[in-house]
């Protein structure tokens, strides 16, 4: 019997959906559409009255199955087709109430009382109106609309200047070393470039001899000092470039992991980079 009822209801529901425009169905389900003006049975044609009854039966099946949204659509459409059947307003009010929409339930019931003030159950309906009003008043106000959630600004690290200062210092050191080598004198006559030892020339006084001896020392040592300076400058250039490319960039990640840290180190007899870390 239940299966047979569902088959009949499905057929009635399909017929009702075909007859109901999509826009009107949406407006009625949302409760935004006003109820049609009241009328009497004499102004409703027989075919419209029968169609309204068919749609009501389809809504009744949905109502019994607790599909209140679908039932309300059908009940309101039935009332629109036969606006003399004011009892549909009571049914609509109850469906809204079961759905949880007390405001629309109140509106439907107040409409019924306005249109059928002589109903034998008028006091029952008035009491229902008072009860709905109290329930609506007791409802907590809706929460304020949440504004757009703005994510906190992300700290972004960029490449820093110090690595390039190191690279520049290394470049300058290399240039100085080249100049030192290029300006190194040649060993004077009578002097050995490898041992810095000079032989006093005939008739040479002490001052001239000392000067030749000093020049011989420069001829030997100046290229050595220039080479050391060029090597140290090259180390600084390479270290500064490594510092630049290895230093962390992008969004800051605040974690407890150990982060490598590259920094320049300069000490007597040493110039380079050291790798360390911090939490």
C-alpha atoms as a PDB file:
ATOM      1  CA  UNK A   1       0.000   0.000   0.000  1.00  0.00           C
ATOM      2  CA  UNK A   2       2.837   2.379   0.863  1.00  0.00           C
ATOM      3  CA  UNK A   3       4.614   1.703  -2.429  1.00  0.00           C
ATOM      4  CA  UNK A   4       1.380   2.302  -4.343  1.00  0.00           C
ATOM      5  CA  UNK A   5       0.928   5.599  -2.513  1.00  0.00           C
ATOM      6  CA  UNK A   6       4.439   6.691  -3.380  1.00  0.00           C
ATOM      7  CA  UNK A   7       3.895   5.933  -7.063  1.00  0.00           C
ATOM      8  CA  UNK A   8       0.728   8.032  -7.095  1.00  0.00           C
ATOM      9  CA  UNK A   9       2.439  10.804  -5.159  1.00  0.00           C
ATOM     10  CA  UNK A  10       5.403  10.833  -7.535  1.00  0.00           C
ATOM     11  CA  UNK A  11       3.080  11.209 -10.500  1.00  0.00           C
ATOM     12  CA  UNK A  12       1.191  14.016  -8.818  1.00  0.00           C
ATOM     13  CA  UNK A  13       4.420  15.721  -7.847  1.00  0.00           C
ATOM     14  CA  UNK A  14       5.817  15.528 -11.379  1.00  0.00           C
ATOM     15  CA  UNK A  15       2.607  17.054 -12.729  1.00  0.00           C
ATOM     16  CA  UNK A  16       2.843  19.848 -10.178  1.00  0.00           C
ATOM     17  CA  UNK A  17       6.468  20.610 -10.970  1.00  0.00           C
ATOM     18  CA  UNK A  18       5.713  20.886 -14.686  1.00  0.00           C
ATOM     19  CA  UNK A  19       2.959  23.334 -13.902  1.00  0.00           C
ATOM     20  CA  UNK A  20       5.101  25.470 -11.600  1.00  0.00           C
ATOM     21  CA  UNK A  21       7.622  27.911 -13.139  1.00  0.00           C
ATOM     22  CA  UNK A  22      11.111  27.674 -11.712  1.00  0.00           C
ATOM     23  CA  UNK A  23      11.275  31.291 -10.580  1.00  0.00           C
ATOM     24  CA  UNK A  24       7.975  31.096  -8.744  1.00  0.00           C
ATOM     25  CA  UNK A  25       9.005  27.881  -7.025  1.00  0.00           C
ATOM     26  CA  UNK A  26      12.158  29.496  -5.745  1.00  0.00           C
ATOM     27  CA  UNK A  27      10.303  32.561  -4.469  1.00  0.00           C
ATOM     28  CA  UNK A  28       7.676  30.481  -2.671  1.00  0.00           C
ATOM     29  CA  UNK A  29      10.197  28.142  -1.058  1.00  0.00           C
ATOM     30  CA  UNK A  30      12.078  31.110   0.315  1.00  0.00           C
ATOM     31  CA  UNK A  31       8.913  32.680   1.721  1.00  0.00           C
ATOM     32  CA  UNK A  32       9.571  35.919  -0.132  1.00  0.00           C
ATOM     33  CA  UNK A  33       6.469  35.809  -2.342  1.00  0.00           C
ATOM     34  CA  UNK A  34       3.293  37.388  -0.891  1.00  0.00           C
ATOM     35  CA  UNK A  35       0.153  35.334  -0.600  1.00  0.00           C
ATOM     36  CA  UNK A  36      -2.469  35.889  -3.298  1.00  0.00           C
ATOM     37  CA  UNK A  37      -5.425  38.110  -2.491  1.00  0.00           C
ATOM     38  CA  UNK A  38      -8.359  36.388  -0.843  1.00  0.00           C
ATOM     39  CA  UNK A  39     -11.199  35.277  -3.087  1.00  0.00           C
ATOM     40  CA  UNK A  40     -14.344  33.175  -2.907  1.00  0.00           C
ATOM     41  CA  UNK A  41     -15.116  29.878  -4.563  1.00  0.00           C
ATOM     42  CA  UNK A  42     -17.266  31.530  -7.253  1.00  0.00           C
ATOM     43  CA  UNK A  43     -14.206  33.173  -8.827  1.00  0.00           C
ATOM     44  CA  UNK A  44     -12.229  29.919  -9.157  1.00  0.00           C
ATOM     45  CA  UNK A  45     -12.847  27.680 -12.158  1.00  0.00           C
ATOM     46  CA  UNK A  46     -13.513  23.990 -11.688  1.00  0.00           C
ATOM     47  CA  UNK A  47     -10.319  23.014 -13.492  1.00  0.00           C
ATOM     48  CA  UNK A  48      -8.164  25.308 -11.348  1.00  0.00           C
ATOM     49  CA  UNK A  49      -9.806  23.981  -8.196  1.00  0.00           C
ATOM     50  CA  UNK A  50      -9.112  20.411  -9.260  1.00  0.00           C
ATOM     51  CA  UNK A  51      -5.546  21.261 -10.188  1.00  0.00           C
ATOM     52  CA  UNK A  52      -5.078  22.934  -6.780  1.00  0.00           C
ATOM     53  CA  UNK A  53      -6.354  19.799  -5.050  1.00  0.00           C
ATOM     54  CA  UNK A  54      -3.963  17.607  -7.055  1.00  0.00           C
ATOM     55  CA  UNK A  55      -1.016  19.802  -6.120  1.00  0.00           C
ATOM     56  CA  UNK A  56      -2.127  19.822  -2.485  1.00  0.00           C
ATOM     57  CA  UNK A  57      -2.144  16.000  -2.439  1.00  0.00           C
ATOM     58  CA  UNK A  58       1.396  15.946  -3.782  1.00  0.00           C
ATOM     59  CA  UNK A  59       2.413  18.402  -1.049  1.00  0.00           C
ATOM     60  CA  UNK A  60       0.687  16.280   1.589  1.00  0.00           C
ATOM     61  CA  UNK A  61       2.876  13.308   0.695  1.00  0.00           C
ATOM     62  CA  UNK A  62       5.982  15.476   1.012  1.00  0.00           C
ATOM     63  CA  UNK A  63       4.665  16.844   4.320  1.00  0.00           C
ATOM     64  CA  UNK A  64       4.102  13.331   5.704  1.00  0.00           C
ATOM     65  CA  UNK A  65       7.653  12.419   4.673  1.00  0.00           C
ATOM     66  CA  UNK A  66       8.941  15.545   6.482  1.00  0.00           C
ATOM     67  CA  UNK A  67      10.149  17.152   3.263  1.00  0.00           C
ATOM     68  CA  UNK A  68       8.827  20.503   4.418  1.00  0.00           C
ATOM     69  CA  UNK A  69      10.502  22.686   1.795  1.00  0.00           C
ATOM     70  CA  UNK A  70       8.953  20.690  -1.058  1.00  0.00           C
ATOM     71  CA  UNK A  71       5.612  20.542   0.766  1.00  0.00           C
ATOM     72  CA  UNK A  72       5.507  24.322   1.261  1.00  0.00           C
ATOM     73  CA  UNK A  73       6.132  24.887  -2.442  1.00  0.00           C
ATOM     74  CA  UNK A  74       3.165  22.674  -3.320  1.00  0.00           C
ATOM     75  CA  UNK A  75       0.825  24.084  -0.651  1.00  0.00           C
ATOM     76  CA  UNK A  76       1.520  27.673  -1.668  1.00  0.00           C
ATOM     77  CA  UNK A  77       1.002  26.865  -5.327  1.00  0.00           C
ATOM     78  CA  UNK A  78      -2.282  25.145  -4.491  1.00  0.00           C
ATOM     79  CA  UNK A  79      -3.435  28.237  -2.575  1.00  0.00           C
ATOM     80  CA  UNK A  80      -2.434  30.466  -5.456  1.00  0.00           C
ATOM     81  CA  UNK A  81      -4.604  28.423  -7.825  1.00  0.00           C
ATOM     82  CA  UNK A  82      -7.548  28.298  -5.434  1.00  0.00           C
ATOM     83  CA  UNK A  83      -7.377  31.293  -3.110  1.00  0.00           C
ATOM     84  CA  UNK A  84     -10.735  30.391  -1.594  1.00  0.00           C
ATOM     85  CA  UNK A  85      -9.211  27.451   0.316  1.00  0.00           C
ATOM     86  CA  UNK A  86      -7.963  29.523   3.250  1.00  0.00           C
ATOM     87  CA  UNK A  87      -7.406  26.419   5.388  1.00  0.00           C
ATOM     88  CA  UNK A  88      -4.269  25.910   3.295  1.00  0.00           C
ATOM     89  CA  UNK A  89      -2.776  28.840   5.217  1.00  0.00           C
ATOM     90  CA  UNK A  90      -3.037  26.845   8.454  1.00  0.00           C
ATOM     91  CA  UNK A  91      -1.286  23.904   6.799  1.00  0.00           C
ATOM     92  CA  UNK A  92       1.392  26.187   5.372  1.00  0.00           C
ATOM     93  CA  UNK A  93       1.920  27.755   8.795  1.00  0.00           C
ATOM     94  CA  UNK A  94       2.377  24.347  10.385  1.00  0.00           C
ATOM     95  CA  UNK A  95       4.858  23.258   7.702  1.00  0.00           C
ATOM     96  CA  UNK A  96       6.898  26.401   8.265  1.00  0.00           C
ATOM     97  CA  UNK A  97       6.826  25.837  12.016  1.00  0.00           C
ATOM     98  CA  UNK A  98       8.038  22.245  11.672  1.00  0.00           C
ATOM     99  CA  UNK A  99      10.745  23.447   9.304  1.00  0.00           C
ATOM    100  CA  UNK A 100      11.896  25.883  11.988  1.00  0.00           C
ATOM    101  CA  UNK A 101      10.885  29.114  10.225  1.00  0.00           C
ATOM    102  CA  UNK A 102       8.680  30.659  12.904  1.00  0.00           C
ATOM    103  CA  UNK A 103       8.540  34.060  11.215  1.00  0.00           C
ATOM    104  CA  UNK A 104       6.896  32.636   8.082  1.00  0.00           C
ATOM    105  CA  UNK A 105       4.719  30.382  10.205  1.00  0.00           C
ATOM    106  CA  UNK A 106       3.440  33.499  12.009  1.00  0.00           C
ATOM    107  CA  UNK A 107       2.853  35.353   8.743  1.00  0.00           C
ATOM    108  CA  UNK A 108       0.758  32.518   7.291  1.00  0.00           C
ATOM    109  CA  UNK A 109      -1.315  32.156  10.456  1.00  0.00           C
ATOM    110  CA  UNK A 110      -1.908  35.910  10.746  1.00  0.00           C
ATOM    111  CA  UNK A 111      -3.020  35.954   7.117  1.00  0.00           C
ATOM    112  CA  UNK A 112      -5.568  33.232   7.862  1.00  0.00           C
ATOM    113  CA  UNK A 113      -6.952  35.106  10.882  1.00  0.00           C
ATOM    114  CA  UNK A 114      -7.273  38.290   8.806  1.00  0.00           C
ATOM    115  CA  UNK A 115      -9.147  36.488   6.045  1.00  0.00           C
ATOM    116  CA  UNK A 116     -11.295  34.183   8.146  1.00  0.00           C
ATOM    117  CA  UNK A 117     -12.084  36.164  11.312  1.00  0.00           C
ATOM    118  CA  UNK A 118     -15.252  34.130  11.824  1.00  0.00           C
ATOM    119  CA  UNK A 119     -13.489  30.768  11.980  1.00  0.00           C
ATOM    120  CA  UNK A 120     -14.865  28.579  14.796  1.00  0.00           C
ATOM    121  CA  UNK A 121     -11.240  27.929  15.854  1.00  0.00           C
ATOM    122  CA  UNK A 122     -10.279  31.623  15.801  1.00  0.00           C
ATOM    123  CA  UNK A 123      -9.214  31.665  19.470  1.00  0.00           C
ATOM    124  CA  UNK A 124      -7.007  28.614  18.948  1.00  0.00           C
ATOM    125  CA  UNK A 125      -5.328  30.351  16.060  1.00  0.00           C
ATOM    126  CA  UNK A 126      -4.944  33.599  17.998  1.00  0.00           C
ATOM    127  CA  UNK A 127      -3.314  31.674  20.817  1.00  0.00           C
ATOM    128  CA  UNK A 128      -1.025  30.086  18.234  1.00  0.00           C
ATOM    129  CA  UNK A 129      -0.091  33.553  16.994  1.00  0.00           C
ATOM    130  CA  UNK A 130       0.727  34.698  20.536  1.00  0.00           C
ATOM    131  CA  UNK A 131       2.827  31.571  21.106  1.00  0.00           C
ATOM    132  CA  UNK A 132       4.778  32.089  17.881  1.00  0.00           C
ATOM    133  CA  UNK A 133       5.437  35.708  18.773  1.00  0.00           C
ATOM    134  CA  UNK A 134       6.814  34.696  22.170  1.00  0.00           C
ATOM    135  CA  UNK A 135       9.040  32.062  20.588  1.00  0.00           C
ATOM    136  CA  UNK A 136      10.366  34.558  18.057  1.00  0.00           C
ATOM    137  CA  UNK A 137      11.049  37.115  20.804  1.00  0.00           C
ATOM    138  CA  UNK A 138      12.910  34.482  22.842  1.00  0.00           C
ATOM    139  CA  UNK A 139      15.175  33.529  19.975  1.00  0.00           C
ATOM    140  CA  UNK A 140      18.757  34.814  20.340  1.00  0.00           C
ATOM    141  CA  UNK A 141      19.699  37.513  17.848  1.00  0.00           C
ATOM    142  CA  UNK A 142      21.622  36.288  14.833  1.00  0.00           C
ATOM    143  CA  UNK A 143      25.404  36.553  15.214  1.00  0.00           C
ATOM    144  CA  UNK A 144      26.972  39.583  13.542  1.00  0.00           C
ATOM    145  CA  UNK A 145      28.269  38.951  10.082  1.00  0.00           C
ATOM    146  CA  UNK A 146      31.910  38.107  10.215  1.00  0.00           C
ATOM    147  CA  UNK A 147      34.118  40.487   8.310  1.00  0.00           C
ATOM    148  CA  UNK A 148      36.773  39.314   5.924  1.00  0.00           C
ATOM    149  CA  UNK A 149      39.547  37.469   7.658  1.00  0.00           C
ATOM    150  CA  UNK A 150      42.817  39.225   6.987  1.00  0.00           C
ATOM    151  CA  UNK A 151      45.858  37.055   7.290  1.00  0.00           C
ATOM    152  CA  UNK A 152      48.681  38.611   9.277  1.00  0.00           C
ATOM    153  CA  UNK A 153      51.409  40.011   7.072  1.00  0.00           C
ATOM    154  CA  UNK A 154      54.085  37.475   6.356  1.00  0.00           C
ATOM    155  CA  UNK A 155      57.622  38.559   7.146  1.00  0.00           C
ATOM    156  CA  UNK A 156      59.707  38.148   4.006  1.00  0.00           C
ATOM    157  CA  UNK A 157      63.485  38.149   4.088  1.00  0.00           C
ATOM    158  CA  UNK A 158      65.410  39.704   1.217  1.00  0.00           C
ATOM    159  CA  UNK A 159      69.055  39.526   0.228  1.00  0.00           C
ATOM    160  CA  UNK A 160      71.177  41.765   2.446  1.00  0.00           C
ATOM    161  CA  UNK A 161      73.972  44.237   1.657  1.00  0.00           C
ATOM    162  CA  UNK A 162      76.820  42.815   3.821  1.00  0.00           C
ATOM    163  CA  UNK A 163      77.689  39.965   1.409  1.00  0.00           C
ATOM    164  CA  UNK A 164      78.283  42.484  -1.344  1.00  0.00           C
ATOM    165  CA  UNK A 165      80.435  44.594   0.985  1.00  0.00           C
ATOM    166  CA  UNK A 166      82.580  41.498   1.518  1.00  0.00           C
ATOM    167  CA  UNK A 167      82.723  40.909  -2.255  1.00  0.00           C
ATOM    168  CA  UNK A 168      83.713  44.554  -2.799  1.00  0.00           C
ATOM    169  CA  UNK A 169      86.432  44.391  -0.154  1.00  0.00           C
ATOM    170  CA  UNK A 170      87.816  41.260  -1.772  1.00  0.00           C
ATOM    171  CA  UNK A 171      87.802  42.898  -5.183  1.00  0.00           C
ATOM    172  CA  UNK A 172      89.678  45.913  -3.834  1.00  0.00           C
ATOM    173  CA  UNK A 173      92.225  43.629  -2.156  1.00  0.00           C
ATOM    174  CA  UNK A 174      92.825  41.806  -5.430  1.00  0.00           C
ATOM    175  CA  UNK A 175      93.376  45.111  -7.262  1.00  0.00           C
ATOM    176  CA  UNK A 176      95.807  46.273  -4.574  1.00  0.00           C
ATOM    177  CA  UNK A 177      97.706  42.982  -4.845  1.00  0.00           C
ATOM    178  CA  UNK A 178      97.985  43.359  -8.601  1.00  0.00           C
ATOM    179  CA  UNK A 179      99.266  46.923  -8.206  1.00  0.00           C
ATOM    180  CA  UNK A 180     101.812  45.787  -5.595  1.00  0.00           C
ATOM    181  CA  UNK A 181     103.162  43.125  -7.948  1.00  0.00           C
ATOM    182  CA  UNK A 182     103.137  45.445 -10.956  1.00  0.00           C
ATOM    183  CA  UNK A 183     105.107  48.123  -9.102  1.00  0.00           C
ATOM    184  CA  UNK A 184     107.704  45.728  -7.691  1.00  0.00           C
ATOM    185  CA  UNK A 185     111.225  46.910  -8.704  1.00  0.00           C
ATOM    186  CA  UNK A 186     113.807  44.683 -10.341  1.00  0.00           C
ATOM    187  CA  UNK A 187     116.879  43.630  -8.454  1.00  0.00           C
ATOM    188  CA  UNK A 188     119.635  46.325  -8.798  1.00  0.00           C
ATOM    189  CA  UNK A 189     123.027  45.617 -10.339  1.00  0.00           C
ATOM    190  CA  UNK A 190     125.204  43.524  -8.084  1.00  0.00           C
ATOM    191  CA  UNK A 191     122.220  42.224  -6.062  1.00  0.00           C
ATOM    192  CA  UNK A 192     120.664  38.763  -5.975  1.00  0.00           C
ATOM    193  CA  UNK A 193     116.821  38.781  -6.347  1.00  0.00           C
ATOM    194  CA  UNK A 194     116.549  35.523  -4.479  1.00  0.00           C
ATOM    195  CA  UNK A 195     118.766  36.286  -1.488  1.00  0.00           C
ATOM    196  CA  UNK A 196     118.479  40.076  -1.243  1.00  0.00           C
ATOM    197  CA  UNK A 197     122.272  40.224  -0.913  1.00  0.00           C
ATOM    198  CA  UNK A 198     124.140  42.981  -2.743  1.00  0.00           C
ATOM    199  CA  UNK A 199     127.826  43.388  -3.433  1.00  0.00           C
ATOM    200  CA  UNK A 200     129.279  46.835  -2.807  1.00  0.00           C
ATOM    201  CA  UNK A 201     130.335  48.439  -6.041  1.00  0.00           C
ATOM    202  CA  UNK A 202     133.647  50.199  -6.529  1.00  0.00           C
ATOM    203  CA  UNK A 203     133.551  53.717  -5.188  1.00  0.00           C
ATOM    204  CA  UNK A 204     129.978  53.242  -3.771  1.00  0.00           C
ATOM    205  CA  UNK A 205     129.307  55.001  -0.518  1.00  0.00           C
ATOM    206  CA  UNK A 206     127.336  53.518   2.350  1.00  0.00           C
ATOM    207  CA  UNK A 207     124.131  55.442   1.592  1.00  0.00           C
ATOM    208  CA  UNK A 208     123.954  54.250  -2.019  1.00  0.00           C
ATOM    209  CA  UNK A 209     124.720  50.709  -0.935  1.00  0.00           C
ATOM    210  CA  UNK A 210     121.892  50.731   1.608  1.00  0.00           C
ATOM    211  CA  UNK A 211     119.491  52.021  -1.015  1.00  0.00           C
ATOM    212  CA  UNK A 212     120.440  49.200  -3.403  1.00  0.00           C
ATOM    213  CA  UNK A 213     120.038  46.713  -0.600  1.00  0.00           C
ATOM    214  CA  UNK A 214     116.524  48.058   0.168  1.00  0.00           C
ATOM    215  CA  UNK A 215     115.547  47.888  -3.497  1.00  0.00           C
ATOM    216  CA  UNK A 216     116.733  44.310  -3.680  1.00  0.00           C
ATOM    217  CA  UNK A 217     114.489  43.470  -0.698  1.00  0.00           C
ATOM    218  CA  UNK A 218     111.478  45.034  -2.375  1.00  0.00           C
ATOM    219  CA  UNK A 219     112.223  43.154  -5.584  1.00  0.00           C
ATOM    220  CA  UNK A 220     112.027  39.895  -3.668  1.00  0.00           C
ATOM    221  CA  UNK A 221     109.251  40.556  -1.127  1.00  0.00           C
ATOM    222  CA  UNK A 222     106.815  42.852  -2.914  1.00  0.00           C
ATOM    223  CA  UNK A 223     105.564  40.183  -5.381  1.00  0.00           C
ATOM    224  CA  UNK A 224     105.095  37.836  -2.433  1.00  0.00           C
ATOM    225  CA  UNK A 225     103.017  40.377  -0.511  1.00  0.00           C
ATOM    226  CA  UNK A 226     101.024  41.168  -3.661  1.00  0.00           C
ATOM    227  CA  UNK A 227     100.272  37.496  -4.239  1.00  0.00           C
ATOM    228  CA  UNK A 228      99.086  37.056  -0.636  1.00  0.00           C
ATOM    229  CA  UNK A 229      96.849  40.105  -0.983  1.00  0.00           C
ATOM    230  CA  UNK A 230      95.349  38.792  -4.245  1.00  0.00           C
ATOM    231  CA  UNK A 231      94.708  35.379  -2.632  1.00  0.00           C
ATOM    232  CA  UNK A 232      93.002  36.928   0.393  1.00  0.00           C
ATOM    233  CA  UNK A 233      90.886  39.125  -1.856  1.00  0.00           C
ATOM    234  CA  UNK A 234      89.831  36.115  -3.923  1.00  0.00           C
ATOM    235  CA  UNK A 235      88.766  34.297  -0.745  1.00  0.00           C
ATOM    236  CA  UNK A 236      86.630  37.277   0.297  1.00  0.00           C
ATOM    237  CA  UNK A 237      85.007  37.497  -3.159  1.00  0.00           C
ATOM    238  CA  UNK A 238      84.135  33.797  -3.160  1.00  0.00           C
ATOM    239  CA  UNK A 239      82.961  33.928   0.466  1.00  0.00           C
ATOM    240  CA  UNK A 240      80.786  36.984  -0.156  1.00  0.00           C
ATOM    241  CA  UNK A 241      79.154  35.337  -3.159  1.00  0.00           C
ATOM    242  CA  UNK A 242      78.487  32.168  -1.141  1.00  0.00           C
ATOM    243  CA  UNK A 243      77.044  34.273   1.667  1.00  0.00           C
ATOM    244  CA  UNK A 244      74.743  36.024  -0.827  1.00  0.00           C
ATOM    245  CA  UNK A 245      73.439  32.841  -2.426  1.00  0.00           C
ATOM    246  CA  UNK A 246      73.172  30.796   0.768  1.00  0.00           C
ATOM    247  CA  UNK A 247      71.590  33.360   3.061  1.00  0.00           C
ATOM    248  CA  UNK A 248      67.899  32.533   3.745  1.00  0.00           C
ATOM    249  CA  UNK A 249      65.296  34.501   1.837  1.00  0.00           C
ATOM    250  CA  UNK A 250      61.519  34.338   1.409  1.00  0.00           C
ATOM    251  CA  UNK A 251      58.830  33.930   4.120  1.00  0.00           C
ATOM    252  CA  UNK A 252      60.159  33.577   7.658  1.00  0.00           C
ATOM    253  CA  UNK A 253      59.506  30.136   9.116  1.00  0.00           C
ATOM    254  CA  UNK A 254      59.483  30.238  12.900  1.00  0.00           C
ATOM    255  CA  UNK A 255      60.510  26.722  13.844  1.00  0.00           C
ATOM    256  CA  UNK A 256      62.816  25.212  16.394  1.00  0.00           C
ATOM    257  CA  UNK A 257      65.126  23.586  13.867  1.00  0.00           C
ATOM    258  CA  UNK A 258      68.776  24.508  13.587  1.00  0.00           C
ATOM    259  CA  UNK A 259      69.371  27.045  10.835  1.00  0.00           C
ATOM    260  CA  UNK A 260      72.778  27.276   9.136  1.00  0.00           C
ATOM    261  CA  UNK A 261      74.383  30.685   9.264  1.00  0.00           C
ATOM    262  CA  UNK A 262      77.262  31.793   7.057  1.00  0.00           C
ATOM    263  CA  UNK A 263      79.378  34.718   8.222  1.00  0.00           C
ATOM    264  CA  UNK A 264      82.771  36.155   7.274  1.00  0.00           C
ATOM    265  CA  UNK A 265      85.786  35.521   9.473  1.00  0.00           C
ATOM    266  CA  UNK A 266      88.983  37.584   9.322  1.00  0.00           C
ATOM    267  CA  UNK A 267      91.959  36.843  11.573  1.00  0.00           C
ATOM    268  CA  UNK A 268      95.721  37.261  11.429  1.00  0.00           C
ATOM    269  CA  UNK A 269      96.897  34.995   8.637  1.00  0.00           C
ATOM    270  CA  UNK A 270      93.322  33.923   7.741  1.00  0.00           C
ATOM    271  CA  UNK A 271      90.394  35.340   5.755  1.00  0.00           C
ATOM    272  CA  UNK A 272      87.307  33.324   4.879  1.00  0.00           C
ATOM    273  CA  UNK A 273      83.768  32.293   5.894  1.00  0.00           C
ATOM    274  CA  UNK A 274      82.547  30.314   8.902  1.00  0.00           C
ATOM    275  CA  UNK A 275      79.431  28.174   9.090  1.00  0.00           C
ATOM    276  CA  UNK A 276      77.439  28.285  12.287  1.00  0.00           C
ATOM    277  CA  UNK A 277      73.877  27.955  13.462  1.00  0.00           C
ATOM    278  CA  UNK A 278      71.305  29.156  15.959  1.00  0.00           C
ATOM    279  CA  UNK A 279      67.906  28.078  17.222  1.00  0.00           C
END
